[in-house]
């Protein structure tokens, strides 16, 4: 499975690269704290796969990287080849860039 670090994600954001960020946490988790990805909870990833791009890099993100890894594996079964897991998830992002972010 391909992964990106929070440092690589930050660089992509800063460089205004064209990619899609999908947050697979539950809605209540997303509302508590997020890094502005699109919220598609893990249970709905396959059902809502049409919302996920096949034409540009897609970074899947969750709290720690486990659920987003599961999402990557599910979508790869549908033929996606452009997916990346955010290593360490929002916990790593908060630790590196937003220490005041509400995480649990």
PDB file of N, CA and C in Angstrom:
ATOM      1  N   UNK A   1       0.838  -1.183   0.000  1.00  0.00           N
ATOM      2  CA  UNK A   1       0.000   0.000   0.000  1.00  0.00           C
ATOM      3  C   UNK A   1       0.882   1.246   0.000  1.00  0.00           C
ATOM      4  N   UNK A   2       0.517   2.185  -0.861  1.00  0.00           N
ATOM      5  CA  UNK A   2       1.270   3.431  -0.920  1.00  0.00           C
ATOM      6  C   UNK A   2       0.832   4.337   0.231  1.00  0.00           C
ATOM      7  N   UNK A   3       1.783   5.051   0.797  1.00  0.00           N
ATOM      8  CA  UNK A   3       1.493   5.957   1.900  1.00  0.00           C
ATOM      9  C   UNK A   3       2.149   7.306   1.644  1.00  0.00           C
ATOM     10  N   UNK A   4       1.568   8.337   2.262  1.00  0.00           N
ATOM     11  CA  UNK A   4       2.215   9.644   2.316  1.00  0.00           C
ATOM     12  C   UNK A   4       2.308  10.033   3.784  1.00  0.00           C
ATOM     13  N   UNK A   5       3.333  10.783   4.092  1.00  0.00           N
ATOM     14  CA  UNK A   5       3.496  11.283   5.450  1.00  0.00           C
ATOM     15  C   UNK A   5       2.754  12.609   5.580  1.00  0.00           C
ATOM     16  N   UNK A   6       2.560  13.066   6.808  1.00  0.00           N
ATOM     17  CA  UNK A   6       1.910  14.370   6.990  1.00  0.00           C
ATOM     18  C   UNK A   6       2.771  15.478   6.403  1.00  0.00           C
ATOM     19  N   UNK A   7       4.085  15.303   6.411  1.00  0.00           N
ATOM     20  CA  UNK A   7       4.973  16.304   5.815  1.00  0.00           C
ATOM     21  C   UNK A   7       4.758  16.372   4.303  1.00  0.00           C
ATOM     22  N   UNK A   8       4.600  15.198   3.666  1.00  0.00           N
ATOM     23  CA  UNK A   8       4.347  15.179   2.221  1.00  0.00           C
ATOM     24  C   UNK A   8       2.984  15.790   1.901  1.00  0.00           C
ATOM     25  N   UNK A   9       1.979  15.497   2.737  1.00  0.00           N
ATOM     26  CA  UNK A   9       0.651  16.084   2.537  1.00  0.00           C
ATOM     27  C   UNK A   9       0.713  17.596   2.675  1.00  0.00           C
ATOM     28  N   UNK A  10       1.395  18.092   3.694  1.00  0.00           N
ATOM     29  CA  UNK A  10       1.522  19.541   3.902  1.00  0.00           C
ATOM     30  C   UNK A  10       2.171  20.188   2.685  1.00  0.00           C
ATOM     31  N   UNK A  11       3.202  19.546   2.139  1.00  0.00           N
ATOM     32  CA  UNK A  11       3.882  20.075   0.957  1.00  0.00           C
ATOM     33  C   UNK A  11       2.930  20.105  -0.249  1.00  0.00           C
ATOM     34  N   UNK A  12       2.110  19.065  -0.398  1.00  0.00           N
ATOM     35  CA  UNK A  12       1.139  19.028  -1.490  1.00  0.00           C
ATOM     36  C   UNK A  12       0.127  20.173  -1.344  1.00  0.00           C
ATOM     37  N   UNK A  13      -0.331  20.418  -0.112  1.00  0.00           N
ATOM     38  CA  UNK A  13      -1.273  21.509   0.141  1.00  0.00           C
ATOM     39  C   UNK A  13      -0.611  22.845  -0.165  1.00  0.00           C
ATOM     40  N   UNK A  14       0.601  23.040   0.367  1.00  0.00           N
ATOM     41  CA  UNK A  14       1.323  24.295   0.161  1.00  0.00           C
ATOM     42  C   UNK A  14       1.598  24.560  -1.319  1.00  0.00           C
ATOM     43  N   UNK A  15       1.862  23.495  -2.078  1.00  0.00           N
ATOM     44  CA  UNK A  15       2.155  23.622  -3.510  1.00  0.00           C
ATOM     45  C   UNK A  15       0.889  23.689  -4.361  1.00  0.00           C
ATOM     46  N   UNK A  16      -0.275  23.628  -3.688  1.00  0.00           N
ATOM     47  CA  UNK A  16      -1.574  23.657  -4.374  1.00  0.00           C
ATOM     48  C   UNK A  16      -1.675  22.566  -5.442  1.00  0.00           C
ATOM     49  N   UNK A  17      -1.161  21.381  -5.106  1.00  0.00           N
ATOM     50  CA  UNK A  17      -1.244  20.257  -6.029  1.00  0.00           C
ATOM     51  C   UNK A  17      -2.691  19.793  -6.149  1.00  0.00           C
ATOM     52  N   UNK A  18      -2.995  19.169  -7.265  1.00  0.00           N
ATOM     53  CA  UNK A  18      -4.343  18.675  -7.521  1.00  0.00           C
ATOM     54  C   UNK A  18      -4.453  17.255  -6.979  1.00  0.00           C
ATOM     55  N   UNK A  19      -5.156  17.118  -5.857  1.00  0.00           N
ATOM     56  CA  UNK A  19      -5.386  15.803  -5.263  1.00  0.00           C
ATOM     57  C   UNK A  19      -6.684  15.864  -4.486  1.00  0.00           C
ATOM     58  N   UNK A  20      -7.171  14.708  -4.088  1.00  0.00           N
ATOM     59  CA  UNK A  20      -8.393  14.639  -3.289  1.00  0.00           C
ATOM     60  C   UNK A  20      -8.037  14.034  -1.934  1.00  0.00           C
ATOM     61  N   UNK A  21      -8.548  14.652  -0.868  1.00  0.00           N
ATOM     62  CA  UNK A  21      -8.341  14.164   0.492  1.00  0.00           C
ATOM     63  C   UNK A  21      -9.685  13.658   1.003  1.00  0.00           C
ATOM     64  N   UNK A  22      -9.727  12.385   1.365  1.00  0.00           N
ATOM     65  CA  UNK A  22     -10.949  11.760   1.877  1.00  0.00           C
ATOM     66  C   UNK A  22     -10.718  11.373   3.334  1.00  0.00           C
ATOM     67  N   UNK A  23     -11.582  11.860   4.209  1.00  0.00           N
ATOM     68  CA  UNK A  23     -11.540  11.551   5.644  1.00  0.00           C
ATOM     69  C   UNK A  23     -12.590  10.474   5.898  1.00  0.00           C
ATOM     70  N   UNK A  24     -12.153   9.271   6.299  1.00  0.00           N
ATOM     71  CA  UNK A  24     -13.073   8.141   6.448  1.00  0.00           C
ATOM     72  C   UNK A  24     -13.565   7.951   7.881  1.00  0.00           C
ATOM     73  N   UNK A  25     -13.312   8.952   8.744  1.00  0.00           N
ATOM     74  CA  UNK A  25     -13.825   8.859  10.104  1.00  0.00           C
ATOM     75  C   UNK A  25     -15.327   9.119  10.117  1.00  0.00           C
ATOM     76  N   UNK A  26     -15.948   8.803  11.237  1.00  0.00           N
ATOM     77  CA  UNK A  26     -17.378   9.068  11.391  1.00  0.00           C
ATOM     78  C   UNK A  26     -17.620  10.584  11.396  1.00  0.00           C
ATOM     79  N   UNK A  27     -18.833  10.988  11.070  1.00  0.00           N
ATOM     80  CA  UNK A  27     -19.175  12.408  10.962  1.00  0.00           C
ATOM     81  C   UNK A  27     -18.886  13.162  12.253  1.00  0.00           C
ATOM     82  N   UNK A  28     -19.200  12.570  13.409  1.00  0.00           N
ATOM     83  CA  UNK A  28     -18.960  13.274  14.673  1.00  0.00           C
ATOM     84  C   UNK A  28     -17.464  13.494  14.914  1.00  0.00           C
ATOM     85  N   UNK A  29     -16.630  12.576  14.446  1.00  0.00           N
ATOM     86  CA  UNK A  29     -15.181  12.746  14.571  1.00  0.00           C
ATOM     87  C   UNK A  29     -14.707  13.868  13.657  1.00  0.00           C
ATOM     88  N   UNK A  30     -15.214  13.869  12.427  1.00  0.00           N
ATOM     89  CA  UNK A  30     -14.858  14.888  11.442  1.00  0.00           C
ATOM     90  C   UNK A  30     -15.243  16.277  11.939  1.00  0.00           C
ATOM     91  N   UNK A  31     -16.437  16.377  12.563  1.00  0.00           N
ATOM     92  CA  UNK A  31     -16.900  17.673  13.058  1.00  0.00           C
ATOM     93  C   UNK A  31     -16.047  18.177  14.216  1.00  0.00           C
ATOM     94  N   UNK A  32     -15.434  17.277  14.966  1.00  0.00           N
ATOM     95  CA  UNK A  32     -14.571  17.653  16.091  1.00  0.00           C
ATOM     96  C   UNK A  32     -13.270  18.287  15.582  1.00  0.00           C
ATOM     97  N   UNK A  33     -12.692  17.682  14.566  1.00  0.00           N
ATOM     98  CA  UNK A  33     -11.425  18.177  14.014  1.00  0.00           C
ATOM     99  C   UNK A  33     -11.239  17.561  12.633  1.00  0.00           C
ATOM    100  N   UNK A  34     -10.742  18.379  11.710  1.00  0.00           N
ATOM    101  CA  UNK A  34     -10.470  17.853  10.367  1.00  0.00           C
ATOM    102  C   UNK A  34      -9.426  18.726   9.678  1.00  0.00           C
ATOM    103  N   UNK A  35      -8.904  18.201   8.585  1.00  0.00           N
ATOM    104  CA  UNK A  35      -7.936  18.960   7.792  1.00  0.00           C
ATOM    105  C   UNK A  35      -8.516  19.233   6.397  1.00  0.00           C
ATOM    106  N   UNK A  36      -9.838  19.445   6.408  1.00  0.00           N
ATOM    107  CA  UNK A  36     -10.574  19.912   5.241  1.00  0.00           C
ATOM    108  C   UNK A  36     -10.686  18.907   4.108  1.00  0.00           C
ATOM    109  N   UNK A  37     -10.589  17.633   4.437  1.00  0.00           N
ATOM    110  CA  UNK A  37     -10.875  16.622   3.432  1.00  0.00           C
ATOM    111  C   UNK A  37     -12.373  16.438   3.302  1.00  0.00           C
ATOM    112  N   UNK A  38     -12.772  15.638   2.334  1.00  0.00           N
ATOM    113  CA  UNK A  38     -14.181  15.302   2.159  1.00  0.00           C
ATOM    114  C   UNK A  38     -14.502  14.136   3.093  1.00  0.00           C
ATOM    115  N   UNK A  39     -15.579  14.240   3.850  1.00  0.00           N
ATOM    116  CA  UNK A  39     -15.923  13.207   4.829  1.00  0.00           C
ATOM    117  C   UNK A  39     -16.803  12.135   4.190  1.00  0.00           C
ATOM    118  N   UNK A  40     -16.229  10.933   4.039  1.00  0.00           N
ATOM    119  CA  UNK A  40     -16.977   9.755   3.605  1.00  0.00           C
ATOM    120  C   UNK A  40     -16.624   8.652   4.602  1.00  0.00           C
ATOM    121  N   UNK A  41     -17.474   8.424   5.612  1.00  0.00           N
ATOM    122  CA  UNK A  41     -17.153   7.403   6.618  1.00  0.00           C
ATOM    123  C   UNK A  41     -16.853   6.042   5.992  1.00  0.00           C
ATOM    124  N   UNK A  42     -15.962   5.301   6.624  1.00  0.00           N
ATOM    125  CA  UNK A  42     -15.486   4.021   6.090  1.00  0.00           C
ATOM    126  C   UNK A  42     -16.625   3.123   5.630  1.00  0.00           C
ATOM    127  N   UNK A  43     -17.696   3.031   6.411  1.00  0.00           N
ATOM    128  CA  UNK A  43     -18.809   2.146   6.056  1.00  0.00           C
ATOM    129  C   UNK A  43     -19.437   2.518   4.716  1.00  0.00           C
ATOM    130  N   UNK A  44     -19.278   3.762   4.279  1.00  0.00           N
ATOM    131  CA  UNK A  44     -19.883   4.199   3.031  1.00  0.00           C
ATOM    132  C   UNK A  44     -18.933   4.338   1.866  1.00  0.00           C
ATOM    133  N   UNK A  45     -17.684   3.988   2.059  1.00  0.00           N
ATOM    134  CA  UNK A  45     -16.671   4.222   1.020  1.00  0.00           C
ATOM    135  C   UNK A  45     -16.999   3.489  -0.277  1.00  0.00           C
ATOM    136  N   UNK A  46     -17.376   2.226  -0.196  1.00  0.00           N
ATOM    137  CA  UNK A  46     -17.674   1.470  -1.422  1.00  0.00           C
ATOM    138  C   UNK A  46     -18.955   1.990  -2.055  1.00  0.00           C
ATOM    139  N   UNK A  47     -19.970   2.263  -1.242  1.00  0.00           N
ATOM    140  CA  UNK A  47     -21.245   2.767  -1.744  1.00  0.00           C
ATOM    141  C   UNK A  47     -21.061   4.117  -2.433  1.00  0.00           C
ATOM    142  N   UNK A  48     -20.186   4.960  -1.871  1.00  0.00           N
ATOM    143  CA  UNK A  48     -19.983   6.305  -2.412  1.00  0.00           C
ATOM    144  C   UNK A  48     -18.710   6.410  -3.254  1.00  0.00           C
ATOM    145  N   UNK A  49     -18.251   5.307  -3.775  1.00  0.00           N
ATOM    146  CA  UNK A  49     -17.008   5.296  -4.555  1.00  0.00           C
ATOM    147  C   UNK A  49     -17.058   6.248  -5.741  1.00  0.00           C
ATOM    148  N   UNK A  50     -18.237   6.532  -6.264  1.00  0.00           N
ATOM    149  CA  UNK A  50     -18.345   7.437  -7.414  1.00  0.00           C
ATOM    150  C   UNK A  50     -17.876   8.855  -7.068  1.00  0.00           C
ATOM    151  N   UNK A  51     -17.819   9.200  -5.784  1.00  0.00           N
ATOM    152  CA  UNK A  51     -17.338  10.517  -5.358  1.00  0.00           C
ATOM    153  C   UNK A  51     -15.813  10.575  -5.288  1.00  0.00           C
ATOM    154  N   UNK A  52     -15.167   9.430  -5.449  1.00  0.00           N
ATOM    155  CA  UNK A  52     -13.715   9.343  -5.281  1.00  0.00           C
ATOM    156  C   UNK A  52     -13.049   9.299  -6.656  1.00  0.00           C
ATOM    157  N   UNK A  53     -12.140  10.235  -6.860  1.00  0.00           N
ATOM    158  CA  UNK A  53     -11.504  10.403  -8.170  1.00  0.00           C
ATOM    159  C   UNK A  53     -10.637   9.206  -8.548  1.00  0.00           C
ATOM    160  N   UNK A  54     -10.629   8.917  -9.842  1.00  0.00           N
ATOM    161  CA  UNK A  54      -9.691   7.926 -10.381  1.00  0.00           C
ATOM    162  C   UNK A  54      -8.627   8.622 -11.230  1.00  0.00           C
ATOM    163  N   UNK A  55      -8.783   9.975 -11.372  1.00  0.00           N
ATOM    164  CA  UNK A  55      -7.942  10.733 -12.294  1.00  0.00           C
ATOM    165  C   UNK A  55      -6.805  11.500 -11.642  1.00  0.00           C
ATOM    166  N   UNK A  56      -6.760  11.515 -10.309  1.00  0.00           N
ATOM    167  CA  UNK A  56      -5.703  12.250  -9.612  1.00  0.00           C
ATOM    168  C   UNK A  56      -5.408  11.521  -8.304  1.00  0.00           C
ATOM    169  N   UNK A  57      -4.305  11.859  -7.645  1.00  0.00           N
ATOM    170  CA  UNK A  57      -3.994  11.186  -6.380  1.00  0.00           C
ATOM    171  C   UNK A  57      -5.110  11.401  -5.351  1.00  0.00           C
ATOM    172  N   UNK A  58      -5.436  10.347  -4.633  1.00  0.00           N
ATOM    173  CA  UNK A  58      -6.432  10.408  -3.569  1.00  0.00           C
ATOM    174  C   UNK A  58      -5.756   9.942  -2.280  1.00  0.00           C
ATOM    175  N   UNK A  59      -5.787  10.810  -1.278  1.00  0.00           N
ATOM    176  CA  UNK A  59      -5.209  10.482   0.021  1.00  0.00           C
ATOM    177  C   UNK A  59      -6.344  10.157   0.971  1.00  0.00           C
ATOM    178  N   UNK A  60      -6.304   8.961   1.527  1.00  0.00           N
ATOM    179  CA  UNK A  60      -7.309   8.512   2.483  1.00  0.00           C
ATOM    180  C   UNK A  60      -6.755   8.770   3.882  1.00  0.00           C
ATOM    181  N   UNK A  61      -7.609   9.323   4.752  1.00  0.00           N
ATOM    182  CA  UNK A  61      -7.153   9.750   6.075  1.00  0.00           C
ATOM    183  C   UNK A  61      -8.176   9.371   7.134  1.00  0.00           C
ATOM    184  N   UNK A  62      -7.698   8.995   8.319  1.00  0.00           N
ATOM    185  CA  UNK A  62      -8.570   8.733   9.465  1.00  0.00           C
ATOM    186  C   UNK A  62      -7.867   9.228  10.728  1.00  0.00           C
ATOM    187  N   UNK A  63      -8.163   8.622  11.855  1.00  0.00           N
ATOM    188  CA  UNK A  63      -7.559   9.064  13.112  1.00  0.00           C
ATOM    189  C   UNK A  63      -6.081   8.676  13.163  1.00  0.00           C
ATOM    190  N   UNK A  64      -5.781   7.393  12.893  1.00  0.00           N
ATOM    191  CA  UNK A  64      -4.409   6.908  13.064  1.00  0.00           C
ATOM    192  C   UNK A  64      -3.819   6.254  11.822  1.00  0.00           C
ATOM    193  N   UNK A  65      -4.642   5.982  10.844  1.00  0.00           N
ATOM    194  CA  UNK A  65      -4.165   5.333   9.618  1.00  0.00           C
ATOM    195  C   UNK A  65      -4.735   3.945   9.397  1.00  0.00           C
ATOM    196  N   UNK A  66      -5.412   3.367  10.393  1.00  0.00           N
ATOM    197  CA  UNK A  66      -5.930   1.999  10.259  1.00  0.00           C
ATOM    198  C   UNK A  66      -7.188   1.942   9.393  1.00  0.00           C
ATOM    199  N   UNK A  67      -8.172   2.788   9.690  1.00  0.00           N
ATOM    200  CA  UNK A  67      -9.405   2.777   8.898  1.00  0.00           C
ATOM    201  C   UNK A  67      -9.154   3.229   7.466  1.00  0.00           C
ATOM    202  N   UNK A  68      -8.280   4.216   7.308  1.00  0.00           N
ATOM    203  CA  UNK A  68      -7.998   4.672   5.944  1.00  0.00           C
ATOM    204  C   UNK A  68      -7.272   3.589   5.154  1.00  0.00           C
ATOM    205  N   UNK A  69      -6.450   2.792   5.816  1.00  0.00           N
ATOM    206  CA  UNK A  69      -5.802   1.657   5.138  1.00  0.00           C
ATOM    207  C   UNK A  69      -6.859   0.649   4.696  1.00  0.00           C
ATOM    208  N   UNK A  70      -7.854   0.414   5.537  1.00  0.00           N
ATOM    209  CA  UNK A  70      -8.944  -0.500   5.166  1.00  0.00           C
ATOM    210  C   UNK A  70      -9.708   0.050   3.965  1.00  0.00           C
ATOM    211  N   UNK A  71      -9.927   1.370   3.952  1.00  0.00           N
ATOM    212  CA  UNK A  71     -10.619   2.002   2.822  1.00  0.00           C
ATOM    213  C   UNK A  71      -9.822   1.839   1.533  1.00  0.00           C
ATOM    214  N   UNK A  72      -8.508   2.032   1.621  1.00  0.00           N
ATOM    215  CA  UNK A  72      -7.647   1.857   0.440  1.00  0.00           C
ATOM    216  C   UNK A  72      -7.796   0.434  -0.085  1.00  0.00           C
ATOM    217  N   UNK A  73      -7.737  -0.542   0.810  1.00  0.00           N
ATOM    218  CA  UNK A  73      -7.832  -1.948   0.376  1.00  0.00           C
ATOM    219  C   UNK A  73      -9.192  -2.230  -0.277  1.00  0.00           C
ATOM    220  N   UNK A  74     -10.272  -1.702   0.293  1.00  0.00           N
ATOM    221  CA  UNK A  74     -11.605  -1.915  -0.296  1.00  0.00           C
ATOM    222  C   UNK A  74     -11.692  -1.312  -1.687  1.00  0.00           C
ATOM    223  N   UNK A  75     -11.191  -0.096  -1.840  1.00  0.00           N
ATOM    224  CA  UNK A  75     -11.276   0.587  -3.134  1.00  0.00           C
ATOM    225  C   UNK A  75     -10.339  -0.022  -4.168  1.00  0.00           C
ATOM    226  N   UNK A  76      -9.198  -0.533  -3.731  1.00  0.00           N
ATOM    227  CA  UNK A  76      -8.300  -1.196  -4.678  1.00  0.00           C
ATOM    228  C   UNK A  76      -8.974  -2.433  -5.281  1.00  0.00           C
ATOM    229  N   UNK A  77      -9.867  -3.066  -4.517  1.00  0.00           N
ATOM    230  CA  UNK A  77     -10.630  -4.200  -5.046  1.00  0.00           C
ATOM    231  C   UNK A  77     -11.559  -3.768  -6.183  1.00  0.00           C
ATOM    232  N   UNK A  78     -11.910  -2.480  -6.203  1.00  0.00           N
ATOM    233  CA  UNK A  78     -12.768  -1.941  -7.259  1.00  0.00           C
ATOM    234  C   UNK A  78     -11.954  -1.400  -8.435  1.00  0.00           C
ATOM    235  N   UNK A  79     -10.627  -1.540  -8.376  1.00  0.00           N
ATOM    236  CA  UNK A  79      -9.785  -1.131  -9.491  1.00  0.00           C
ATOM    237  C   UNK A  79      -9.057   0.189  -9.318  1.00  0.00           C
ATOM    238  N   UNK A  80      -9.188   0.826  -8.170  1.00  0.00           N
ATOM    239  CA  UNK A  80      -8.459   2.078  -7.932  1.00  0.00           C
ATOM    240  C   UNK A  80      -6.962   1.792  -7.815  1.00  0.00           C
ATOM    241  N   UNK A  81      -6.159   2.653  -8.452  1.00  0.00           N
ATOM    242  CA  UNK A  81      -4.700   2.494  -8.390  1.00  0.00           C
ATOM    243  C   UNK A  81      -4.014   3.790  -7.948  1.00  0.00           C
ATOM    244  N   UNK A  82      -4.806   4.813  -7.616  1.00  0.00           N
ATOM    245  CA  UNK A  82      -4.279   6.148  -7.335  1.00  0.00           C
ATOM    246  C   UNK A  82      -4.439   6.524  -5.861  1.00  0.00           C
ATOM    247  N   UNK A  83      -4.498   5.534  -4.975  1.00  0.00           N
ATOM    248  CA  UNK A  83      -4.803   5.784  -3.572  1.00  0.00           C
ATOM    249  C   UNK A  83      -3.557   5.757  -2.694  1.00  0.00           C
ATOM    250  N   UNK A  84      -3.570   6.626  -1.690  1.00  0.00           N
ATOM    251  CA  UNK A  84      -2.487   6.708  -0.721  1.00  0.00           C
ATOM    252  C   UNK A  84      -3.093   6.782   0.679  1.00  0.00           C
ATOM    253  N   UNK A  85      -2.490   6.106   1.622  1.00  0.00           N
ATOM    254  CA  UNK A  85      -2.912   6.170   3.012  1.00  0.00           C
ATOM    255  C   UNK A  85      -2.082   7.234   3.720  1.00  0.00           C
ATOM    256  N   UNK A  86      -2.746   8.094   4.520  1.00  0.00           N
ATOM    257  CA  UNK A  86      -2.002   9.083   5.300  1.00  0.00           C
ATOM    258  C   UNK A  86      -1.441   8.403   6.541  1.00  0.00           C
ATOM    259  N   UNK A  87      -0.138   8.258   6.557  1.00  0.00           N
ATOM    260  CA  UNK A  87       0.533   7.564   7.647  1.00  0.00           C
ATOM    261  C   UNK A  87       0.352   8.325   8.967  1.00  0.00           C
ATOM    262  N   UNK A  88      -0.226   7.644   9.960  1.00  0.00           N
ATOM    263  CA  UNK A  88      -0.425   8.255  11.268  1.00  0.00           C
ATOM    264  C   UNK A  88      -1.689   9.074  11.409  1.00  0.00           C
ATOM    265  N   UNK A  89      -2.407   9.300  10.300  1.00  0.00           N
ATOM    266  CA  UNK A  89      -3.686   9.981  10.324  1.00  0.00           C
ATOM    267  C   UNK A  89      -3.662  11.371  10.941  1.00  0.00           C
ATOM    268  N   UNK A  90      -4.829  11.778  11.432  1.00  0.00           N
ATOM    269  CA  UNK A  90      -4.964  13.128  11.976  1.00  0.00           C
ATOM    270  C   UNK A  90      -4.155  13.291  13.261  1.00  0.00           C
ATOM    271  N   UNK A  91      -3.887  12.191  13.957  1.00  0.00           N
ATOM    272  CA  UNK A  91      -3.042  12.287  15.161  1.00  0.00           C
ATOM    273  C   UNK A  91      -1.644  12.774  14.789  1.00  0.00           C
ATOM    274  N   UNK A  92      -1.099  12.244  13.703  1.00  0.00           N
ATOM    275  CA  UNK A  92       0.230  12.677  13.247  1.00  0.00           C
ATOM    276  C   UNK A  92       0.188  14.125  12.765  1.00  0.00           C
ATOM    277  N   UNK A  93      -0.903  14.491  12.062  1.00  0.00           N
ATOM    278  CA  UNK A  93      -1.048  15.872  11.592  1.00  0.00           C
ATOM    279  C   UNK A  93      -1.069  16.838  12.771  1.00  0.00           C
ATOM    280  N   UNK A  94      -1.885  16.517  13.773  1.00  0.00           N
ATOM    281  CA  UNK A  94      -1.997  17.390  14.952  1.00  0.00           C
ATOM    282  C   UNK A  94      -0.653  17.512  15.663  1.00  0.00           C
ATOM    283  N   UNK A  95       0.033  16.403  15.822  1.00  0.00           N
ATOM    284  CA  UNK A  95       1.324  16.419  16.519  1.00  0.00           C
ATOM    285  C   UNK A  95       2.343  17.286  15.777  1.00  0.00           C
ATOM    286  N   UNK A  96       2.302  17.246  14.450  1.00  0.00           N
ATOM    287  CA  UNK A  96       3.294  17.956  13.639  1.00  0.00           C
ATOM    288  C   UNK A  96       2.932  19.417  13.384  1.00  0.00           C
ATOM    289  N   UNK A  97       1.636  19.704  13.115  1.00  0.00           N
ATOM    290  CA  UNK A  97       1.261  21.025  12.628  1.00  0.00           C
ATOM    291  C   UNK A  97       0.230  21.776  13.460  1.00  0.00           C
ATOM    292  N   UNK A  98      -0.610  21.068  14.182  1.00  0.00           N
ATOM    293  CA  UNK A  98      -1.678  21.750  14.915  1.00  0.00           C
ATOM    294  C   UNK A  98      -1.819  21.169  16.324  1.00  0.00           C
ATOM    295  N   UNK A  99      -0.874  21.466  17.194  1.00  0.00           N
ATOM    296  CA  UNK A  99      -0.902  20.871  18.538  1.00  0.00           C
ATOM    297  C   UNK A  99      -2.138  21.250  19.362  1.00  0.00           C
ATOM    298  N   UNK A 100      -2.838  22.318  18.977  1.00  0.00           N
ATOM    299  CA  UNK A 100      -4.053  22.709  19.697  1.00  0.00           C
ATOM    300  C   UNK A 100      -5.317  22.054  19.136  1.00  0.00           C
ATOM    301  N   UNK A 101      -5.170  21.257  18.071  1.00  0.00           N
ATOM    302  CA  UNK A 101      -6.327  20.593  17.472  1.00  0.00           C
ATOM    303  C   UNK A 101      -6.944  19.613  18.467  1.00  0.00           C
ATOM    304  N   UNK A 102      -8.272  19.580  18.498  1.00  0.00           N
ATOM    305  CA  UNK A 102      -8.965  18.631  19.368  1.00  0.00           C
ATOM    306  C   UNK A 102      -8.880  17.237  18.745  1.00  0.00           C
ATOM    307  N   UNK A 103      -8.176  16.362  19.416  1.00  0.00           N
ATOM    308  CA  UNK A 103      -8.114  14.957  18.991  1.00  0.00           C
ATOM    309  C   UNK A 103      -8.435  14.101  20.201  1.00  0.00           C
ATOM    310  N   UNK A 104      -8.671  12.846  19.973  1.00  0.00           N
ATOM    311  CA  UNK A 104      -9.105  11.960  21.050  1.00  0.00           C
ATOM    312  C   UNK A 104      -8.280  10.699  21.052  1.00  0.00           C
TER     313      UNK A 104
END
